[in-house]
Amino acid sequence: MSDNLNTTARAVDALHLRHKAGLQEWVPFIAPALLRVPAMSKRSVGFHLCSSHTLQLAVNHSLEKSKVTDVISHASRLVAHLRHSVVATRSLCKQQETMGLPLKKLMLYSKTRWNSAFDMLLRLHENRWTVSAVLADPLVTKPAQVKAVEIPNEEWHIISSICPVLEPIKLATAMLSAEENISVSIVLPSIAGLLEKSVIEDDDPVTVQVFKEDFQQQLATGFMLDAVYQKDVTTLHKATFLDPRFAHMSFVTGATKALVTEALQEEIGTVTPTSTATSNPSPSTSAATSSGIYKFQNN
């Protein structure tokens, strides 16, 4: 992630090389200049050195506060029993065949990876009735064992409700953890999308409502989408604004976008150009400019 942060930081600094042309014309010249300019200071990169880790901490905190961890613990006990019993495993496969389900093993939860909890709960949810059939067969599972590992109906309801909430979080975590294609410009749009997916619904179980409410608070604390003062504008804001895909910044207030624009204009205005390498842009960047593919959207 740090390499990508440095790349985007260089992209912001690349604006300095053509400050006379004005804000509208900068994005096409960023890429050719990436290797010729230094990275931004650590102070401006600062807090978001690992967005995926920040996101993971937010999820873990919300899972704990909402007591979803209790459900995960009960599910883990059930899955461990079914996986460690050869008889139960064979019975589960037969039930899957009978019900026309794919032959898939139940998945175990690893405490070092929160997304493995989602994988376990989702697979368990998909196999709820096959699991129930295995537990209901006294030739496969003894009554004492059933009592020890059975999941109550209210927890099955929580599992079915929390899986759709955790799925986009897992996707965002994977995307922000990628080393080859990720850019810091996608962090804030991703967080905005997660906030939208975490809206509390009337039919959500109380546990899921608590999870969503706390998760929204954790995201607001870990990732400041809206800026009140110019000092609140971060590298994430600047990188998002410089990315043509997200330059509209529709997920922040108009005041925040204005502050981002002002911050970039100030940086442009305080640096004297030291290179003429970008005075004659390549045909590809010229074509991009003339066709209007890349532009800053100030409205």
Foldseek 3Di string as FASTA:
>chain_A
DQVQLQQLQQLLLQLQQPLVVDQWQRLLRSVVCSVPDGGDDCVQQPQPSQVLVLLVVLLVVLCVVLVVVVLLVLLQLLLVVCVVAPLSLVQLQVLCVVVVHDNDRQFHDDPVDVVSSLSNLVVCLVSVPSSVVQLVDCVRHPPVRCVRRPDDPVSSLLSVQCNQLCVLSVVLSVQSPDDPDHHLLCSLVSLLVSLVSLDDDPPHDSSSVSSSVSSNVSSCVSPPLADDALVRDHSNNLSNCSDQVRVVSPSYDLVRNVSSVVVSSVSNVVHHNDDCVPVDPDPVSVVCVVVVVDTHDND
